[in-house]
């Protein structure tokens, strides 16, 4: 009989745990109400916690959340490693356990946080390709403005780059969230959290052209009346449609990099930091809860750093 996969091992373990079940219910409510997370995110966090209770059951350990020690968690991390999980998966699970103990501390379930000294496996942060300002201009210039879709796509990609939007935020953007006279859009991000983001003049100009010349000619499906960007059938665009439209433009522009809609968001943040923007301001515009997440999007390449030093630092200006 062959060895079982990690999924089979986890599936075979019973999930009933009277010492933990009431806390799981409270944790779910905390994630939903206090953290305003989506159902998908809540399920992911609960799944991480479920793995910990499954470990205790498999090891015959009868411990409650307040009894867990650092040693327990170190044995747990060794267990998930033996199951063959990747370093990224292990790090995510440990992050979920840390979140659970944030809840336990806030609700006075335990006074001590056993995760404080717990080390997660090191993972490599792979950064996507970044577009230069010139490359962004070339992509947008490749749009065929002689077609209705081209007029719409011009407004779409000007907006995505101008505001650093996630593609999910772009396709759900509403007309009622567009404030051209103030120069802002109100974005509904992850966990239904709202933020105000400045929008550039070019994006405003092309949204207005799209609204006046294209969108008002579409027979709009009921329920989609407030959605800003629509397809020819009068419904909101899908993520795939945005991806395919951008892929086609990248090909027309002759750019060889691996590009996705997220690349525009990454480039938006990188260009802001290269221009001297404060990291906290970038965090606010991107809608990141943690500054550490923002840092992933704001790496500066060595050539830019060297050029900056050569321009501004006296030691580098010496011949």
Protein backbone atom coordinates (compact mmCIF):
# COMPACT_ATOMS: atom_id res chain seq x y z
CA UNK A 1 0.00 0.00 0.00
CA UNK A 2 1.48 3.36 -1.04
CA UNK A 3 2.18 6.26 1.28
CA UNK A 4 -0.72 8.64 1.85
CA UNK A 5 -0.56 12.20 0.62
CA UNK A 6 -0.75 15.05 3.12
CA UNK A 7 -4.33 15.75 1.99
CA UNK A 8 -5.32 12.12 2.69
CA UNK A 9 -3.67 12.24 6.10
CA UNK A 10 -5.47 15.44 7.06
CA UNK A 11 -8.78 14.19 5.66
CA UNK A 12 -8.60 10.99 7.72
CA UNK A 13 -8.28 12.90 10.98
CA UNK A 14 -11.47 13.68 12.88
CA UNK A 15 -12.26 17.36 13.07
CA UNK A 16 -14.32 17.28 16.29
CA UNK A 17 -12.44 18.97 19.13
CA UNK A 18 -14.51 20.01 22.16
CA UNK A 19 -11.54 21.92 23.63
CA UNK A 20 -11.34 24.15 20.55
CA UNK A 21 -14.75 24.27 18.84
CA UNK A 22 -16.23 27.13 20.88
CA UNK A 23 -13.07 29.16 20.32
CA UNK A 24 -13.23 28.50 16.58
CA UNK A 25 -16.75 29.96 16.51
CA UNK A 26 -15.60 33.05 18.40
CA UNK A 27 -12.57 33.37 16.14
CA UNK A 28 -14.79 33.22 13.05
CA UNK A 29 -16.94 36.06 14.39
CA UNK A 30 -13.84 38.09 15.27
CA UNK A 31 -12.44 37.71 11.75
CA UNK A 32 -15.75 38.72 10.21
CA UNK A 33 -16.66 41.60 12.53
CA UNK A 34 -13.39 42.96 13.88
CA UNK A 35 -11.18 42.32 10.84
CA UNK A 36 -13.92 42.69 8.18
CA UNK A 37 -12.50 39.79 6.18
CA UNK A 38 -14.30 38.13 3.27
CA UNK A 39 -15.78 34.63 3.64
CA UNK A 40 -12.94 33.27 1.52
CA UNK A 41 -10.30 34.78 3.83
CA UNK A 42 -12.16 33.66 6.96
CA UNK A 43 -12.31 30.10 5.63
CA UNK A 44 -8.56 30.17 4.93
CA UNK A 45 -7.73 31.29 8.48
CA UNK A 46 -10.03 28.67 9.99
CA UNK A 47 -8.41 26.02 7.80
CA UNK A 48 -4.99 26.95 9.22
CA UNK A 49 -6.31 26.60 12.77
CA UNK A 50 -7.99 23.31 11.86
CA UNK A 51 -4.61 21.87 10.93
CA UNK A 52 -3.29 22.66 14.40
CA UNK A 53 -6.17 20.85 16.11
CA UNK A 54 -5.77 17.95 13.71
CA UNK A 55 -2.13 17.71 14.75
CA UNK A 56 -3.05 17.59 18.43
CA UNK A 57 -5.57 14.82 17.75
CA UNK A 58 -3.08 12.81 15.72
CA UNK A 59 -0.48 13.18 18.48
CA UNK A 60 -2.96 12.32 21.24
CA UNK A 61 -2.45 15.73 22.85
CA UNK A 62 -5.41 17.05 24.86
CA UNK A 63 -4.61 20.73 25.16
CA UNK A 64 -6.79 23.81 25.03
CA UNK A 65 -5.74 27.09 23.38
CA UNK A 66 -4.50 28.47 26.72
CA UNK A 67 -2.34 25.38 27.32
CA UNK A 68 -0.41 25.61 24.03
CA UNK A 69 3.30 26.33 24.38
CA UNK A 70 6.09 27.27 22.00
CA UNK A 71 7.31 23.67 22.15
CA UNK A 72 3.88 22.42 21.02
CA UNK A 73 3.99 24.76 18.04
CA UNK A 74 7.56 23.80 17.12
CA UNK A 75 6.48 20.15 17.03
CA UNK A 76 3.48 21.18 14.91
CA UNK A 77 5.69 22.99 12.38
CA UNK A 78 7.91 19.90 12.18
CA UNK A 79 4.76 17.82 11.55
CA UNK A 80 3.48 19.94 8.67
CA UNK A 81 6.98 19.95 7.20
CA UNK A 82 7.03 16.13 7.30
CA UNK A 83 3.72 16.12 5.42
CA UNK A 84 5.59 17.63 2.49
CA UNK A 85 4.08 21.12 2.52
CA UNK A 86 6.04 23.86 0.80
CA UNK A 87 7.76 26.61 2.78
CA UNK A 88 5.16 29.06 1.48
CA UNK A 89 2.27 26.87 2.70
CA UNK A 90 3.93 26.38 6.07
CA UNK A 91 4.52 30.13 6.48
CA UNK A 92 0.87 30.82 5.62
CA UNK A 93 -0.38 28.30 8.20
CA UNK A 94 1.88 29.76 10.90
CA UNK A 95 0.56 33.23 10.02
CA UNK A 96 -2.96 31.87 10.55
CA UNK A 97 -2.01 30.47 13.98
CA UNK A 98 -0.54 33.85 14.94
CA UNK A 99 -3.79 35.51 13.93
CA UNK A 100 -5.73 33.09 16.16
CA UNK A 101 -3.58 34.04 19.15
CA UNK A 102 -4.11 37.73 18.39
CA UNK A 103 -7.78 36.90 18.86
CA UNK A 104 -7.12 34.91 22.07
CA UNK A 105 -5.14 37.80 23.60
CA UNK A 106 -7.75 40.39 22.63
CA UNK A 107 -10.55 38.27 24.14
CA UNK A 108 -8.58 37.38 27.31
CA UNK A 109 -8.72 33.68 26.46
CA UNK A 110 -5.01 33.47 27.25
CA UNK A 111 -2.47 35.87 28.73
CA UNK A 112 0.52 34.46 26.87
CA UNK A 113 1.10 34.28 23.13
CA UNK A 114 3.01 31.08 22.31
CA UNK A 115 3.66 32.25 18.74
CA UNK A 116 5.89 35.20 19.72
CA UNK A 117 9.15 33.27 19.32
CA UNK A 118 7.88 30.85 16.67
CA UNK A 119 9.97 31.00 13.50
CA UNK A 120 8.37 30.49 10.10
CA UNK A 121 10.33 28.89 7.25
CA UNK A 122 12.10 31.39 5.04
CA UNK A 123 10.34 31.97 1.74
CA UNK A 124 11.59 33.79 -1.32
CA UNK A 125 9.55 36.78 -2.38
CA UNK A 126 9.33 36.63 -6.13
CA UNK A 127 8.68 40.05 -7.56
CA UNK A 128 6.82 40.33 -10.86
CA UNK A 129 8.18 42.25 -13.81
CA UNK A 130 7.85 46.00 -13.49
CA UNK A 131 7.06 48.29 -16.38
CA UNK A 132 8.93 51.53 -16.90
CA UNK A 133 6.91 54.73 -17.35
CA UNK A 134 7.82 54.61 -21.05
CA UNK A 135 6.56 51.03 -21.37
CA UNK A 136 3.25 51.94 -19.71
CA UNK A 137 2.91 54.78 -22.22
CA UNK A 138 3.68 52.40 -25.11
CA UNK A 139 1.04 49.91 -23.96
CA UNK A 140 -1.65 52.59 -23.65
CA UNK A 141 -0.60 54.11 -26.99
CA UNK A 142 -1.19 50.70 -28.66
CA UNK A 143 -4.95 50.95 -27.97
CA UNK A 144 -7.09 51.35 -31.10
CA UNK A 145 -9.30 54.35 -30.35
CA UNK A 146 -11.35 53.85 -33.53
CA UNK A 147 -13.44 51.12 -31.82
CA UNK A 148 -15.88 51.38 -28.87
CA UNK A 149 -13.84 48.77 -26.98
CA UNK A 150 -10.70 50.82 -27.58
CA UNK A 151 -12.24 53.97 -26.13
CA UNK A 152 -13.36 51.96 -23.10
CA UNK A 153 -9.99 50.21 -22.71
CA UNK A 154 -8.16 53.52 -22.86
CA UNK A 155 -10.20 54.69 -19.86
CA UNK A 156 -9.69 51.32 -18.12
CA UNK A 157 -5.90 51.16 -18.33
CA UNK A 158 -5.41 54.87 -17.65
CA UNK A 159 -7.49 54.33 -14.48
CA UNK A 160 -5.70 51.14 -13.40
CA UNK A 161 -2.28 52.72 -13.70
CA UNK A 162 -3.34 56.11 -12.34
CA UNK A 163 -4.90 54.60 -9.20
CA UNK A 164 -2.96 51.35 -8.70
CA UNK A 165 -6.16 49.30 -8.66
CA UNK A 166 -6.52 45.57 -8.28
CA UNK A 167 -8.36 44.12 -11.27
CA UNK A 168 -11.20 43.06 -8.92
CA UNK A 169 -11.55 46.70 -7.83
CA UNK A 170 -11.57 47.92 -11.41
CA UNK A 171 -14.35 45.62 -12.63
CA UNK A 172 -16.60 46.51 -9.66
CA UNK A 173 -15.93 50.27 -9.77
CA UNK A 174 -19.18 52.26 -9.81
CA UNK A 175 -20.10 55.57 -11.41
CA UNK A 176 -21.27 56.73 -7.99
CA UNK A 177 -17.71 56.16 -6.71
CA UNK A 178 -16.18 58.45 -9.35
CA UNK A 179 -15.68 62.07 -8.25
CA UNK A 180 -14.03 63.83 -11.22
CA UNK A 181 -14.46 67.35 -9.83
CA UNK A 182 -12.60 66.36 -6.67
CA UNK A 183 -10.07 64.17 -8.46
CA UNK A 184 -10.80 61.02 -6.45
CA UNK A 185 -12.35 57.58 -6.78
CA UNK A 186 -13.81 55.67 -3.84
CA UNK A 187 -12.55 52.11 -3.99
CA UNK A 188 -14.08 49.06 -2.31
CA UNK A 189 -11.13 46.79 -1.58
CA UNK A 190 -10.49 43.54 0.26
CA UNK A 191 -12.82 42.88 3.17
CA UNK A 192 -15.20 45.51 1.74
CA UNK A 193 -12.94 48.23 3.15
CA UNK A 194 -13.27 51.56 1.37
CA UNK A 195 -10.52 54.05 0.58
CA UNK A 196 -10.28 57.28 -1.38
CA UNK A 197 -7.63 57.26 -4.11
CA UNK A 198 -6.53 60.24 -6.23
CA UNK A 199 -7.12 59.80 -9.96
CA UNK A 200 -5.07 61.52 -12.67
CA UNK A 201 -6.34 64.04 -15.20
CA UNK A 202 -5.75 61.73 -18.17
CA UNK A 203 -7.83 58.98 -16.56
CA UNK A 204 -10.63 61.44 -15.72
CA UNK A 205 -10.59 62.78 -19.28
CA UNK A 206 -10.89 59.33 -20.87
CA UNK A 207 -13.55 58.12 -18.42
CA UNK A 208 -15.65 61.16 -19.35
CA UNK A 209 -15.15 60.45 -23.07
CA UNK A 210 -16.16 56.81 -22.53
CA UNK A 211 -19.25 57.77 -20.52
CA UNK A 212 -20.37 60.34 -23.09
CA UNK A 213 -19.66 58.50 -26.33
CA UNK A 214 -19.76 54.76 -25.61
CA UNK A 215 -21.40 53.79 -22.37
CA UNK A 216 -24.57 55.82 -22.92
CA UNK A 217 -25.23 53.86 -26.14
CA UNK A 218 -25.22 50.43 -24.40
CA UNK A 219 -28.40 48.57 -23.44
CA UNK A 220 -27.53 47.99 -19.78
CA UNK A 221 -28.65 44.83 -17.96
CA UNK A 222 -30.76 45.40 -14.85
CA UNK A 223 -28.60 45.60 -11.73
CA UNK A 224 -25.54 46.82 -13.63
CA UNK A 225 -26.67 50.43 -14.06
CA UNK A 226 -24.05 51.84 -11.66
CA UNK A 227 -21.10 49.74 -12.85
CA UNK A 228 -18.65 52.03 -14.66
CA UNK A 229 -17.02 49.72 -17.21
CA UNK A 230 -19.33 47.45 -19.21
CA UNK A 231 -19.03 45.02 -22.10
CA UNK A 232 -21.11 45.35 -25.27
CA UNK A 233 -23.85 43.18 -23.69
CA UNK A 234 -24.34 45.67 -20.87
CA UNK A 235 -22.77 43.67 -18.03
CA UNK A 236 -19.61 44.18 -16.03
CA UNK A 237 -16.29 42.95 -17.37
CA UNK A 238 -14.59 39.82 -16.09
CA UNK A 239 -11.01 39.61 -14.83
CA UNK A 240 -10.18 37.39 -17.79
CA UNK A 241 -11.37 40.03 -20.25
CA UNK A 242 -9.05 42.61 -18.67
CA UNK A 243 -6.14 40.14 -18.74
CA UNK A 244 -6.67 39.27 -22.42
CA UNK A 245 -7.05 42.91 -23.46
CA UNK A 246 -3.79 43.82 -21.71
CA UNK A 247 -1.97 40.80 -23.13
CA UNK A 248 -2.96 41.88 -26.63
CA UNK A 249 -1.73 45.44 -26.04
CA UNK A 250 1.60 44.22 -24.65
CA UNK A 251 2.11 42.14 -27.79
CA UNK A 252 1.24 45.11 -30.04
CA UNK A 253 3.67 47.31 -28.11
CA UNK A 254 6.44 44.75 -28.65
CA UNK A 255 7.15 44.36 -24.92
CA UNK A 256 8.66 40.96 -24.04
CA UNK A 257 8.04 40.96 -20.28
CA UNK A 258 5.50 38.71 -18.56
CA UNK A 259 2.68 41.15 -17.88
CA UNK A 260 -0.67 40.89 -16.07
CA UNK A 261 -3.09 43.54 -14.81
CA UNK A 262 -1.34 43.28 -11.44
CA UNK A 263 1.86 44.49 -13.13
CA UNK A 264 0.23 47.91 -13.60
CA UNK A 265 -0.49 48.05 -9.86
CA UNK A 266 3.07 46.98 -9.04
CA UNK A 267 4.47 49.55 -11.47
CA UNK A 268 2.22 52.27 -10.00
CA UNK A 269 3.70 51.69 -6.53
CA UNK A 270 7.27 51.38 -7.76
CA UNK A 271 7.06 54.60 -9.76
CA UNK A 272 5.63 56.45 -6.75
CA UNK A 273 8.50 55.39 -4.51
CA UNK A 274 11.07 56.17 -7.20
CA UNK A 275 9.52 59.62 -7.36
CA UNK A 276 9.99 60.09 -3.61
CA UNK A 277 6.52 59.17 -2.27
CA UNK A 278 6.21 58.27 1.40
CA UNK A 279 5.75 54.53 1.95
CA UNK A 280 2.78 55.11 4.27
CA UNK A 281 1.03 57.15 1.60
CA UNK A 282 1.61 54.35 -0.92
CA UNK A 283 0.24 51.85 1.61
CA UNK A 284 -2.92 53.95 1.97
CA UNK A 285 -3.44 54.23 -1.78
CA UNK A 286 -2.91 50.51 -2.34
CA UNK A 287 -5.25 49.61 0.52
CA UNK A 288 -2.74 47.41 2.35
CA UNK A 289 -3.47 46.65 6.00
CA UNK A 290 0.22 46.05 6.73
CA UNK A 291 3.19 48.18 5.68
CA UNK A 292 5.23 45.00 5.15
CA UNK A 293 2.91 44.06 2.28
CA UNK A 294 3.49 47.45 0.67
CA UNK A 295 7.25 46.92 0.80
CA UNK A 296 6.90 44.00 -1.62
CA UNK A 297 5.49 46.37 -4.24
CA UNK A 298 8.00 49.15 -3.73
CA UNK A 299 11.40 47.58 -4.35
CA UNK A 300 13.87 49.83 -6.07
CA UNK A 301 16.28 48.38 -8.59
CA UNK A 302 20.01 48.91 -8.17
CA UNK A 303 20.34 51.07 -11.25
CA UNK A 304 17.79 53.54 -9.90
CA UNK A 305 19.47 53.67 -6.48
CA UNK A 306 22.89 54.22 -8.05
CA UNK A 307 21.53 56.94 -10.37
CA UNK A 308 19.94 58.65 -7.37
CA UNK A 309 23.19 58.56 -5.39
CA UNK A 310 25.18 59.85 -8.35
CA UNK A 311 22.76 62.73 -8.76
CA UNK A 312 22.37 63.78 -5.13
CA UNK A 313 25.25 62.44 -2.98
CA UNK A 314 28.45 64.53 -2.91
CA UNK A 315 30.74 61.49 -2.68
CA UNK A 316 29.30 60.07 -5.92
CA UNK A 317 29.64 63.37 -7.79
CA UNK A 318 33.40 63.42 -7.29
CA UNK A 319 35.46 62.52 -10.34
